[in-house]
N, C-alpha and C. Protein backbone atom coordinates (compact mmCIF):
# COMPACT_ATOMS: atom_id res chain seq x y z
N UNK A 1 21.35 -3.03 -58.56
CA UNK A 1 22.01 -3.45 -57.57
C UNK A 1 23.09 -2.25 -56.81
N UNK A 2 23.05 -2.20 -55.68
CA UNK A 2 23.92 -1.30 -55.17
C UNK A 2 25.25 -1.94 -54.40
N UNK A 3 26.15 -1.31 -55.05
CA UNK A 3 27.58 -2.03 -55.01
C UNK A 3 27.94 -1.73 -53.61
N UNK A 4 27.66 -0.32 -53.01
CA UNK A 4 28.07 -0.05 -51.84
C UNK A 4 27.48 -0.88 -50.74
N UNK A 5 26.30 -1.23 -50.68
CA UNK A 5 25.31 -2.04 -49.86
C UNK A 5 26.29 -3.48 -49.72
N UNK A 6 26.43 -3.98 -50.99
CA UNK A 6 26.88 -5.43 -51.00
C UNK A 6 28.19 -5.53 -50.46
N UNK A 7 29.42 -4.51 -50.95
CA UNK A 7 30.50 -4.53 -50.41
C UNK A 7 30.43 -4.16 -48.82
N UNK A 8 29.77 -3.32 -48.19
CA UNK A 8 29.51 -3.03 -46.74
C UNK A 8 29.34 -4.45 -46.14
N UNK A 9 28.37 -5.21 -46.54
CA UNK A 9 27.86 -6.81 -46.06
C UNK A 9 29.20 -7.64 -46.42
N UNK A 10 29.68 -7.65 -47.18
CA UNK A 10 30.85 -8.37 -47.53
C UNK A 10 31.91 -8.18 -46.56
N UNK A 11 32.22 -6.77 -46.12
CA UNK A 11 33.20 -6.52 -44.99
C UNK A 11 32.61 -7.15 -43.66
N UNK A 12 31.33 -6.95 -43.36
CA UNK A 12 30.91 -7.54 -42.13
C UNK A 12 30.93 -8.60 -41.98
N UNK A 13 30.47 -9.61 -43.02
CA UNK A 13 30.78 -11.10 -43.25
C UNK A 13 32.47 -11.29 -42.94
N UNK A 14 33.28 -10.57 -43.22
CA UNK A 14 34.64 -10.83 -42.86
C UNK A 14 34.98 -10.40 -41.77
N UNK A 15 34.01 -9.82 -40.93
CA UNK A 15 34.37 -9.54 -39.34
C UNK A 15 35.23 -8.31 -39.19
N UNK A 16 34.95 -7.33 -40.20
CA UNK A 16 35.40 -5.81 -40.09
C UNK A 16 34.51 -5.14 -38.93
N UNK A 17 35.37 -4.75 -38.03
CA UNK A 17 34.73 -4.00 -36.97
C UNK A 17 34.03 -2.63 -37.71
N UNK A 18 34.62 -1.88 -38.34
CA UNK A 18 34.43 -0.72 -38.60
C UNK A 18 32.82 -0.87 -39.58
N UNK A 19 32.85 -1.88 -40.34
CA UNK A 19 31.75 -2.19 -41.14
C UNK A 19 30.39 -2.46 -40.47
N UNK A 20 30.94 -3.21 -39.62
CA UNK A 20 29.77 -3.47 -38.59
C UNK A 20 28.98 -2.47 -37.52
N UNK A 21 30.20 -1.50 -37.19
CA UNK A 21 29.77 -0.21 -36.63
C UNK A 21 29.02 0.69 -37.85
N UNK A 22 29.49 0.73 -39.14
CA UNK A 22 28.70 1.26 -39.87
C UNK A 22 27.21 0.80 -40.23
N UNK A 23 27.02 -0.69 -40.37
CA UNK A 23 25.80 -1.15 -40.32
C UNK A 23 24.91 -0.62 -39.33
N UNK A 24 25.33 -0.65 -38.07
CA UNK A 24 24.80 -0.25 -37.04
C UNK A 24 24.26 1.25 -36.84
N UNK A 25 25.25 2.06 -37.33
CA UNK A 25 25.01 3.51 -37.39
C UNK A 25 23.76 3.66 -38.47
N UNK A 26 23.74 2.99 -39.74
CA UNK A 26 22.70 3.18 -40.55
C UNK A 26 21.41 2.47 -40.26
N UNK A 27 21.49 1.66 -39.40
CA UNK A 27 20.30 0.85 -39.13
C UNK A 27 19.71 0.50 -37.42
N UNK A 28 20.44 1.12 -36.76
CA UNK A 28 20.54 0.82 -35.20
C UNK A 28 19.23 1.36 -34.88
N UNK A 29 19.04 2.72 -35.24
CA UNK A 29 17.99 3.37 -34.54
C UNK A 29 16.46 2.83 -35.19
N UNK A 30 16.45 2.33 -36.28
CA UNK A 30 15.23 1.99 -37.06
C UNK A 30 15.06 0.78 -36.35
N UNK A 31 15.96 -0.23 -36.35
CA UNK A 31 15.73 -1.38 -35.61
C UNK A 31 15.19 -1.46 -34.14
N UNK A 32 15.76 -0.52 -33.49
CA UNK A 32 15.21 -0.07 -31.81
C UNK A 32 14.08 0.56 -31.97
N UNK A 33 13.43 1.35 -32.80
CA UNK A 33 12.23 1.87 -32.67
C UNK A 33 10.99 0.65 -33.12
N UNK A 34 11.32 -0.31 -33.63
CA UNK A 34 10.44 -1.56 -33.98
C UNK A 34 10.55 -2.19 -32.81
N UNK A 35 11.71 -2.69 -32.29
CA UNK A 35 11.98 -3.43 -31.05
C UNK A 35 11.16 -2.81 -30.24
N UNK A 36 11.14 -1.57 -29.94
CA UNK A 36 10.69 -0.76 -28.72
C UNK A 36 8.99 -0.79 -28.78
N UNK A 37 8.78 -0.69 -30.13
CA UNK A 37 7.10 -0.85 -30.29
C UNK A 37 6.56 -2.41 -30.13
N UNK A 38 7.36 -3.55 -30.10
CA UNK A 38 6.84 -4.70 -29.95
C UNK A 38 7.21 -5.51 -28.55
N UNK A 39 8.24 -4.85 -27.70
CA UNK A 39 8.60 -5.32 -26.53
C UNK A 39 8.30 -4.54 -25.48
N UNK A 40 8.02 -5.32 -24.19
CA UNK A 40 7.47 -4.50 -23.19
C UNK A 40 8.38 -3.25 -22.37
N UNK A 41 9.56 -3.90 -22.58
CA UNK A 41 10.57 -2.89 -21.66
C UNK A 41 11.62 -2.53 -22.89
N UNK A 42 12.39 -1.25 -22.54
CA UNK A 42 13.44 -0.76 -23.09
C UNK A 42 14.75 -1.90 -22.96
N UNK A 43 14.69 -2.29 -21.91
CA UNK A 43 15.82 -2.98 -21.37
C UNK A 43 15.83 -4.35 -22.50
N UNK A 44 14.54 -4.95 -22.93
CA UNK A 44 14.32 -6.20 -23.78
C UNK A 44 14.62 -5.62 -25.53
N UNK A 45 14.25 -4.14 -25.75
CA UNK A 45 14.17 -3.86 -26.97
C UNK A 45 15.93 -3.43 -27.11
N UNK A 46 16.60 -3.16 -26.22
CA UNK A 46 18.20 -2.96 -26.42
C UNK A 46 18.58 -4.21 -26.53
N UNK A 47 18.20 -5.18 -25.80
CA UNK A 47 18.87 -6.72 -26.01
C UNK A 47 18.57 -7.12 -27.32
N UNK A 48 17.35 -6.97 -27.53
CA UNK A 48 16.83 -7.45 -29.18
C UNK A 48 17.67 -7.03 -30.22
N UNK A 49 18.19 -5.48 -30.11
CA UNK A 49 18.72 -4.73 -31.29
C UNK A 49 20.21 -5.33 -31.08
N UNK A 50 20.87 -5.41 -30.03
CA UNK A 50 21.90 -6.42 -30.28
C UNK A 50 21.94 -7.70 -30.76
N UNK A 51 20.70 -8.66 -30.38
CA UNK A 51 20.80 -9.85 -30.89
C UNK A 51 20.72 -9.84 -32.73
N UNK A 52 19.62 -8.78 -32.83
CA UNK A 52 19.31 -8.44 -34.28
C UNK A 52 20.87 -8.29 -35.06
N UNK A 53 21.70 -7.39 -34.51
CA UNK A 53 23.04 -7.00 -35.09
C UNK A 53 23.87 -8.44 -35.23
N UNK A 54 23.92 -9.06 -34.02
CA UNK A 54 24.53 -10.20 -34.17
C UNK A 54 24.14 -11.34 -35.31
N UNK A 55 22.87 -11.42 -35.44
CA UNK A 55 22.22 -12.26 -36.64
C UNK A 55 22.83 -11.62 -37.87
N UNK A 56 22.67 -10.19 -38.08
CA UNK A 56 23.29 -9.86 -39.15
C UNK A 56 24.55 -10.14 -39.45
N UNK A 57 25.28 -9.90 -38.55
CA UNK A 57 26.73 -10.50 -38.83
C UNK A 57 26.85 -11.91 -39.06
N UNK A 58 26.39 -12.59 -38.41
CA UNK A 58 26.24 -14.11 -38.77
C UNK A 58 25.74 -14.42 -40.04
N UNK A 59 24.97 -13.69 -40.75
CA UNK A 59 24.17 -14.09 -41.85
C UNK A 59 24.59 -13.16 -43.16
N UNK A 60 25.72 -11.94 -42.82
CA UNK A 60 25.94 -11.11 -43.80
C UNK A 60 26.47 -11.91 -45.21
N UNK A 61 26.88 -12.89 -45.14
CA UNK A 61 27.40 -13.54 -46.43
C UNK A 61 26.05 -13.86 -47.28
N UNK A 62 24.94 -13.90 -46.63
CA UNK A 62 23.88 -14.30 -47.54
C UNK A 62 23.07 -12.97 -48.15
N UNK A 63 23.61 -11.85 -47.87
CA UNK A 63 22.94 -10.77 -48.32
C UNK A 63 23.00 -10.54 -49.92
N UNK A 64 21.91 -10.60 -50.63
CA UNK A 64 22.09 -10.24 -52.18
C UNK A 64 21.22 -9.26 -52.74
N UNK A 65 22.00 -8.29 -52.89
CA UNK A 65 21.52 -7.01 -53.08
C UNK A 65 20.49 -6.92 -54.74
N UNK A 66 20.59 -8.11 -55.49
CA UNK A 66 19.68 -8.10 -56.46
C UNK A 66 18.14 -8.45 -56.15
N UNK A 67 18.33 -9.45 -54.90
CA UNK A 67 16.98 -9.44 -54.23
C UNK A 67 15.93 -8.56 -53.36
N UNK A 68 16.90 -7.88 -52.51
CA UNK A 68 16.44 -6.89 -51.83
C UNK A 68 17.12 -5.46 -51.48
N UNK A 69 16.88 -4.68 -51.12
CA UNK A 69 17.65 -3.02 -50.69
C UNK A 69 18.34 -3.85 -49.44
N UNK A 70 19.34 -3.12 -48.99
CA UNK A 70 19.63 -3.62 -47.71
C UNK A 70 18.94 -3.45 -46.64
N UNK A 71 18.18 -2.28 -46.48
CA UNK A 71 17.31 -1.69 -45.61
C UNK A 71 16.27 -2.84 -45.44
N UNK A 72 15.48 -3.20 -46.56
CA UNK A 72 14.45 -4.31 -46.51
C UNK A 72 15.01 -5.65 -45.59
N UNK A 73 16.58 -6.08 -46.17
CA UNK A 73 17.00 -7.29 -45.73
C UNK A 73 17.20 -7.20 -44.23
N UNK A 74 17.60 -5.91 -43.91
CA UNK A 74 18.03 -5.48 -42.49
C UNK A 74 16.50 -6.07 -41.68
N UNK A 75 15.52 -5.14 -42.01
CA UNK A 75 14.15 -5.20 -41.33
C UNK A 75 13.71 -6.71 -41.38
N UNK A 76 13.84 -7.26 -42.42
CA UNK A 76 13.43 -8.49 -42.58
C UNK A 76 13.86 -9.47 -41.50
N UNK A 77 15.48 -9.32 -41.51
CA UNK A 77 16.00 -10.22 -40.19
C UNK A 77 15.59 -9.83 -39.11
N UNK A 78 15.64 -8.29 -38.82
CA UNK A 78 15.15 -7.88 -37.42
C UNK A 78 13.85 -8.26 -36.96
N UNK A 79 12.66 -8.18 -38.03
CA UNK A 79 11.35 -8.61 -37.75
C UNK A 79 11.45 -10.22 -37.19
N UNK A 80 12.04 -10.82 -38.18
CA UNK A 80 11.81 -12.22 -37.86
C UNK A 80 12.41 -12.56 -36.40
N UNK A 81 13.63 -11.71 -36.11
CA UNK A 81 14.25 -12.19 -34.79
C UNK A 81 13.11 -11.68 -33.57
N UNK A 82 12.31 -10.64 -33.84
CA UNK A 82 11.74 -10.39 -32.75
C UNK A 82 10.49 -10.79 -32.65
N UNK A 83 9.80 -11.42 -33.68
CA UNK A 83 8.81 -12.29 -33.63
C UNK A 83 9.22 -13.71 -32.90
N UNK A 84 10.46 -14.17 -33.40
CA UNK A 84 10.94 -15.29 -32.59
C UNK A 84 11.07 -15.19 -31.08
N UNK A 85 11.43 -13.88 -30.68
CA UNK A 85 11.73 -13.50 -29.44
C UNK A 85 10.30 -13.31 -28.47
N UNK A 86 9.29 -12.81 -29.22
CA UNK A 86 7.98 -12.47 -28.80
C UNK A 86 7.36 -13.94 -28.53
N UNK A 87 7.71 -14.84 -29.48
CA UNK A 87 7.07 -16.35 -29.16
C UNK A 87 7.89 -17.43 -28.03
N UNK A 88 9.23 -17.05 -28.02
CA UNK A 88 10.07 -17.74 -26.82
C UNK A 88 9.38 -17.13 -25.71
N UNK A 89 9.27 -15.71 -25.47
CA UNK A 89 8.79 -15.21 -24.25
C UNK A 89 7.13 -15.73 -23.87
N UNK A 90 6.48 -15.57 -25.01
CA UNK A 90 5.26 -16.21 -24.69
C UNK A 90 5.16 -17.64 -24.19
N UNK A 91 5.63 -18.52 -25.01
CA UNK A 91 5.69 -19.79 -24.23
C UNK A 91 6.48 -19.74 -22.83
N UNK A 92 7.39 -19.18 -22.62
CA UNK A 92 8.07 -19.08 -21.09
C UNK A 92 6.90 -18.49 -20.23
N UNK A 93 6.16 -17.53 -20.83
CA UNK A 93 5.29 -17.14 -19.70
C UNK A 93 4.19 -18.07 -19.46
N UNK A 94 3.66 -18.89 -20.10
CA UNK A 94 2.91 -19.88 -20.49
C UNK A 94 3.34 -20.90 -19.32
N UNK A 95 4.83 -21.15 -19.55
CA UNK A 95 5.10 -22.49 -18.62
C UNK A 95 5.42 -21.78 -17.20
N UNK A 96 5.74 -20.55 -16.88
CA UNK A 96 6.01 -20.20 -15.68
C UNK A 96 4.78 -20.25 -15.03
N UNK A 97 3.67 -19.85 -15.60
CA UNK A 97 2.38 -19.71 -14.91
C UNK A 97 1.63 -21.09 -14.61
N UNK A 98 2.07 -22.15 -15.54
CA UNK A 98 1.77 -23.41 -15.48
C UNK A 98 2.67 -24.16 -14.19
N UNK A 99 3.74 -23.56 -14.08
CA UNK A 99 4.38 -24.47 -12.85
C UNK A 99 4.50 -23.38 -11.64
N UNK A 100 3.64 -22.61 -11.56
CA UNK A 100 3.04 -22.19 -10.35
C UNK A 100 3.93 -21.17 -9.64
N UNK A 101 5.07 -20.54 -10.64
CA UNK A 101 5.88 -19.88 -10.22
C UNK A 101 5.15 -18.09 -9.72
N UNK A 102 5.44 -17.80 -8.57
CA UNK A 102 4.56 -16.60 -8.14
C UNK A 102 5.13 -15.50 -8.72
N UNK A 103 6.19 -15.34 -9.68
CA UNK A 103 6.71 -14.42 -10.03
C UNK A 103 5.74 -14.08 -11.35
N UNK A 104 5.11 -15.04 -12.09
CA UNK A 104 4.25 -14.99 -13.10
C UNK A 104 2.77 -14.53 -12.78
N UNK A 105 2.53 -14.91 -11.62
CA UNK A 105 1.23 -14.58 -11.20
C UNK A 105 1.13 -13.25 -10.31
N UNK A 106 2.47 -12.50 -10.23
CA UNK A 106 2.38 -11.14 -9.24
C UNK A 106 2.05 -10.18 -10.32
N UNK A 107 1.18 -9.04 -9.53
CA UNK A 107 1.28 -7.78 -10.54
C UNK A 107 2.21 -6.61 -10.10
N UNK A 108 2.82 -6.26 -11.50
CA UNK A 108 4.06 -5.23 -11.65
C UNK A 108 3.57 -4.02 -12.27
N UNK A 109 3.18 -3.14 -11.58
CA UNK A 109 2.70 -1.77 -11.87
C UNK A 109 3.72 -0.84 -12.33
N UNK A 110 5.00 -1.53 -12.13
CA UNK A 110 6.38 -0.43 -12.45
C UNK A 110 6.39 0.32 -13.98
N UNK A 111 7.10 1.07 -14.02
CA UNK A 111 7.15 1.82 -15.16
C UNK A 111 7.51 1.17 -16.65
N UNK A 112 8.23 -0.03 -16.11
CA UNK A 112 8.38 -0.71 -17.57
C UNK A 112 7.13 -1.55 -18.05
N UNK A 113 6.23 -2.00 -17.26
CA UNK A 113 5.37 -2.35 -17.33
C UNK A 113 4.18 -1.59 -18.30
N UNK A 114 3.48 -2.40 -19.18
CA UNK A 114 2.68 -1.43 -20.04
C UNK A 114 1.34 -2.64 -20.59
N UNK A 115 0.55 -2.50 -19.56
CA UNK A 115 -0.68 -3.25 -19.62
C UNK A 115 -1.58 -2.90 -20.73
N UNK A 116 -1.81 -1.59 -21.21
CA UNK A 116 -2.26 -0.99 -22.16
C UNK A 116 -1.80 -1.71 -23.64
N UNK A 117 -0.46 -1.52 -23.53
CA UNK A 117 -0.09 -1.95 -25.21
C UNK A 117 -0.49 -3.60 -25.15
N UNK A 118 0.00 -4.44 -24.11
CA UNK A 118 -0.11 -5.70 -24.17
C UNK A 118 -1.70 -5.85 -24.42
N UNK A 119 -2.77 -5.23 -23.97
CA UNK A 119 -4.35 -5.35 -24.26
C UNK A 119 -4.26 -4.92 -25.57
N UNK A 120 -3.89 -3.83 -26.22
CA UNK A 120 -4.03 -3.16 -27.29
C UNK A 120 -3.59 -4.30 -28.51
N UNK A 121 -2.33 -5.15 -28.12
CA UNK A 121 -1.96 -6.48 -28.95
C UNK A 121 -2.90 -7.50 -29.03
N UNK A 122 -3.18 -7.86 -28.10
CA UNK A 122 -4.21 -9.07 -27.96
C UNK A 122 -5.48 -8.68 -28.76
N UNK A 123 -6.11 -7.33 -28.58
CA UNK A 123 -7.35 -7.04 -29.29
C UNK A 123 -7.04 -7.10 -30.77
N UNK A 124 -5.40 -6.37 -31.20
CA UNK A 124 -5.19 -6.68 -32.69
C UNK A 124 -5.00 -8.15 -33.53
N UNK A 125 -4.88 -8.89 -32.42
CA UNK A 125 -4.47 -10.22 -32.85
C UNK A 125 -5.99 -10.64 -33.18
N UNK A 126 -7.26 -10.33 -32.00
CA UNK A 126 -8.20 -10.88 -32.32
C UNK A 126 -8.68 -10.31 -33.49
N UNK A 127 -8.66 -8.94 -33.61
CA UNK A 127 -9.10 -8.23 -34.89
C UNK A 127 -8.58 -8.96 -36.25
N UNK A 128 -7.35 -9.55 -36.25
CA UNK A 128 -6.91 -9.85 -37.49
C UNK A 128 -7.62 -11.33 -37.73
N UNK A 129 -7.97 -12.21 -36.68
CA UNK A 129 -8.80 -13.20 -37.00
C UNK A 129 -10.15 -13.11 -37.43
N UNK A 130 -10.61 -11.48 -37.43
CA UNK A 130 -11.85 -11.30 -37.90
C UNK A 130 -12.01 -11.18 -39.47
N UNK A 131 -10.62 -10.78 -40.00
CA UNK A 131 -10.73 -10.26 -41.12
C UNK A 131 -11.02 -11.64 -42.18
N UNK A 132 -11.55 -11.19 -43.42
CA UNK A 132 -11.67 -12.26 -44.55
C UNK A 132 -10.32 -12.99 -44.86
N UNK A 133 -10.51 -14.26 -45.09
CA UNK A 133 -9.73 -15.45 -45.09
C UNK A 133 -8.22 -14.94 -45.97
N UNK A 134 -8.34 -14.28 -47.11
CA UNK A 134 -7.02 -13.88 -47.55
C UNK A 134 -6.36 -12.86 -47.07
N UNK A 135 -7.07 -11.63 -46.38
CA UNK A 135 -6.48 -10.96 -45.89
C UNK A 135 -5.92 -11.37 -44.59
N UNK A 136 -6.62 -12.08 -43.88
CA UNK A 136 -5.88 -12.49 -42.68
C UNK A 136 -4.82 -13.37 -43.19
N UNK A 137 -4.49 -14.19 -43.86
CA UNK A 137 -3.34 -15.04 -44.23
C UNK A 137 -2.12 -14.11 -44.49
N UNK A 138 -2.66 -13.05 -45.27
CA UNK A 138 -1.32 -12.18 -46.03
C UNK A 138 -0.67 -11.45 -44.87
N UNK A 139 -1.90 -11.06 -43.98
CA UNK A 139 -1.10 -10.19 -42.63
C UNK A 139 -0.41 -11.13 -41.68
N UNK A 140 -0.74 -12.36 -41.39
CA UNK A 140 -0.07 -13.33 -40.68
C UNK A 140 1.16 -13.73 -40.93
N UNK A 141 1.13 -14.08 -42.32
CA UNK A 141 2.31 -14.32 -42.93
C UNK A 141 3.68 -13.49 -43.02
N UNK A 142 2.70 -12.18 -43.67
CA UNK A 142 3.95 -11.07 -43.97
C UNK A 142 4.46 -10.61 -42.46
N UNK A 143 3.35 -10.13 -41.39
CA UNK A 143 3.85 -9.53 -40.49
C UNK A 143 4.25 -10.48 -39.20
N UNK A 144 3.51 -11.47 -39.00
CA UNK A 144 3.74 -12.30 -38.03
C UNK A 144 4.88 -13.59 -38.16
N UNK A 145 4.70 -13.97 -39.35
CA UNK A 145 5.54 -14.98 -39.85
C UNK A 145 7.09 -14.69 -40.51
N UNK A 146 6.82 -13.27 -40.92
CA UNK A 146 8.05 -12.73 -41.43
C UNK A 146 8.22 -12.99 -43.08
N UNK A 147 7.39 -13.55 -43.70
CA UNK A 147 7.73 -13.45 -45.08
C UNK A 147 7.20 -12.63 -45.79
N UNK A 148 8.06 -12.51 -47.15
CA UNK A 148 8.16 -11.23 -47.88
C UNK A 148 6.59 -11.42 -48.80
N UNK A 149 6.08 -10.35 -49.24
CA UNK A 149 5.06 -10.55 -50.18
C UNK A 149 5.25 -11.36 -51.23
N UNK A 150 6.03 -11.26 -51.75
CA UNK A 150 6.31 -12.42 -52.71
C UNK A 150 6.40 -13.72 -52.49
N UNK A 151 7.06 -14.02 -51.51
CA UNK A 151 7.14 -15.21 -50.69
C UNK A 151 5.48 -15.99 -50.59
N UNK A 152 4.85 -14.96 -50.16
CA UNK A 152 3.35 -15.13 -49.78
C UNK A 152 2.74 -15.44 -51.19
N UNK A 153 3.07 -14.51 -52.15
CA UNK A 153 2.28 -14.95 -53.53
C UNK A 153 2.80 -16.23 -53.94
N UNK A 154 3.70 -16.88 -53.75
CA UNK A 154 4.26 -17.79 -54.42
C UNK A 154 3.77 -18.89 -53.52
N UNK A 155 3.44 -18.96 -52.36
CA UNK A 155 3.11 -19.93 -51.33
C UNK A 155 1.50 -19.94 -51.62
N UNK A 156 0.76 -19.24 -51.77
CA UNK A 156 -0.69 -18.93 -52.34
C UNK A 156 -1.03 -19.30 -53.70
N UNK A 157 0.21 -18.96 -54.51
CA UNK A 157 -0.05 -19.14 -55.58
C UNK A 157 -1.09 -18.05 -56.21
N UNK A 158 -0.80 -17.25 -56.06
CA UNK A 158 -1.59 -15.72 -56.23
C UNK A 158 -0.95 -14.78 -56.85
N UNK A 159 -1.18 -13.73 -58.09
CA UNK A 159 -0.78 -12.63 -58.21
C UNK A 159 -0.13 -11.91 -56.98
N UNK A 160 1.10 -11.20 -57.15
CA UNK A 160 1.56 -10.30 -56.33
C UNK A 160 0.97 -9.09 -56.23
N UNK A 161 0.11 -8.77 -56.89
CA UNK A 161 -0.75 -7.76 -57.10
C UNK A 161 -2.00 -7.72 -56.11
N UNK A 162 -2.56 -9.25 -56.22
CA UNK A 162 -3.74 -9.76 -55.53
C UNK A 162 -3.17 -9.73 -53.82
N UNK A 163 -2.11 -9.88 -53.67
CA UNK A 163 -1.80 -10.21 -52.27
C UNK A 163 -1.51 -8.82 -51.80
N UNK A 164 -0.81 -7.89 -52.40
CA UNK A 164 -0.62 -6.24 -52.17
C UNK A 164 -1.85 -5.67 -51.73
N UNK A 165 -2.88 -6.26 -52.64
CA UNK A 165 -4.29 -5.62 -52.42
C UNK A 165 -4.73 -6.11 -51.25
N UNK A 166 -4.76 -7.35 -51.10
CA UNK A 166 -5.42 -7.77 -49.69
C UNK A 166 -4.88 -7.47 -48.63
N UNK A 167 -3.19 -6.91 -48.56
CA UNK A 167 -2.73 -6.39 -47.38
C UNK A 167 -3.26 -5.04 -47.08
N UNK A 168 -3.01 -4.26 -48.11
CA UNK A 168 -3.62 -3.02 -48.02
C UNK A 168 -5.07 -2.86 -47.51
N UNK A 169 -6.24 -3.66 -47.86
CA UNK A 169 -7.41 -3.62 -47.47
C UNK A 169 -7.70 -4.33 -46.13
N UNK A 170 -6.90 -5.20 -45.99
CA UNK A 170 -6.72 -5.54 -44.71
C UNK A 170 -6.28 -4.86 -43.54
N UNK A 171 -5.12 -4.14 -43.72
CA UNK A 171 -4.57 -3.04 -42.77
C UNK A 171 -5.37 -2.03 -42.67
N UNK A 172 -6.13 -1.33 -43.74
CA UNK A 172 -7.04 -0.24 -43.94
C UNK A 172 -8.16 -0.97 -42.73
N UNK A 173 -8.69 -2.15 -42.67
CA UNK A 173 -9.78 -2.91 -41.93
C UNK A 173 -9.32 -2.49 -40.37
N UNK A 174 -7.88 -3.04 -40.25
CA UNK A 174 -7.41 -3.42 -38.86
C UNK A 174 -7.46 -1.63 -38.22
N UNK A 175 -6.94 -0.75 -38.90
CA UNK A 175 -6.83 0.75 -38.64
C UNK A 175 -8.21 1.00 -38.31
N UNK A 176 -9.74 0.68 -39.09
CA UNK A 176 -10.58 1.37 -38.95
C UNK A 176 -11.10 0.80 -37.68
N UNK A 177 -11.20 -0.45 -37.50
CA UNK A 177 -11.53 -1.23 -36.25
C UNK A 177 -10.81 -0.87 -34.88
N UNK A 178 -9.63 -0.71 -34.99
CA UNK A 178 -8.91 -0.25 -33.93
C UNK A 178 -9.06 1.32 -33.51
N UNK A 179 -9.47 2.17 -34.25
CA UNK A 179 -10.05 3.42 -34.23
C UNK A 179 -11.20 3.32 -33.30
N UNK A 180 -12.05 2.64 -33.59
CA UNK A 180 -13.31 2.34 -33.07
C UNK A 180 -13.21 1.56 -31.59
N UNK A 181 -12.20 0.73 -31.47
CA UNK A 181 -11.94 -0.12 -30.25
C UNK A 181 -11.29 0.89 -29.34
N UNK A 182 -10.68 1.74 -29.75
CA UNK A 182 -9.66 2.50 -28.47
C UNK A 182 -10.65 4.21 -28.41
N UNK A 183 -12.08 4.17 -29.35
CA UNK A 183 -12.48 5.36 -29.35
C UNK A 183 -13.15 5.45 -27.96
N UNK A 184 -13.46 4.36 -27.39
CA UNK A 184 -14.44 3.94 -26.16
C UNK A 184 -13.98 4.50 -25.05
């Protein structure tokens, strides 16, 4: 158990601004990199990082260093928030297009739009559905739903080693198939 991490989160929970700044200094760049990979614009990624750290502050009293390292906990909170944000954006986009909003159908080729990245993400989701059932379920739950591998193991009533192996094999297949997709 890392006593320093627990004390830091205890101070964050108490509203200590210096502790929040220290938490951001340690993990802000990491959370931003992940947000930037998942979100289409720099502005959205920056907003998401701010929201993640607000959520970390609000839930700091729940951190338990016996269950996870601080970096793991921060990234779990971050990943869950980013997935929620992507889902909200997806629903909003569908609703806007359905309501006939011209902004939803206009084409914007500005520097912030990354259609190739969106196409890659769609293709990746298609590839996930092509995986064997266990590999697909593990990847969906771990990466898209935010569960830990231990939680997935418990949900599926399977040994943790089996879950880890399924994740490893599934990710290897996705990498292999993605290389083939983008080599064309």
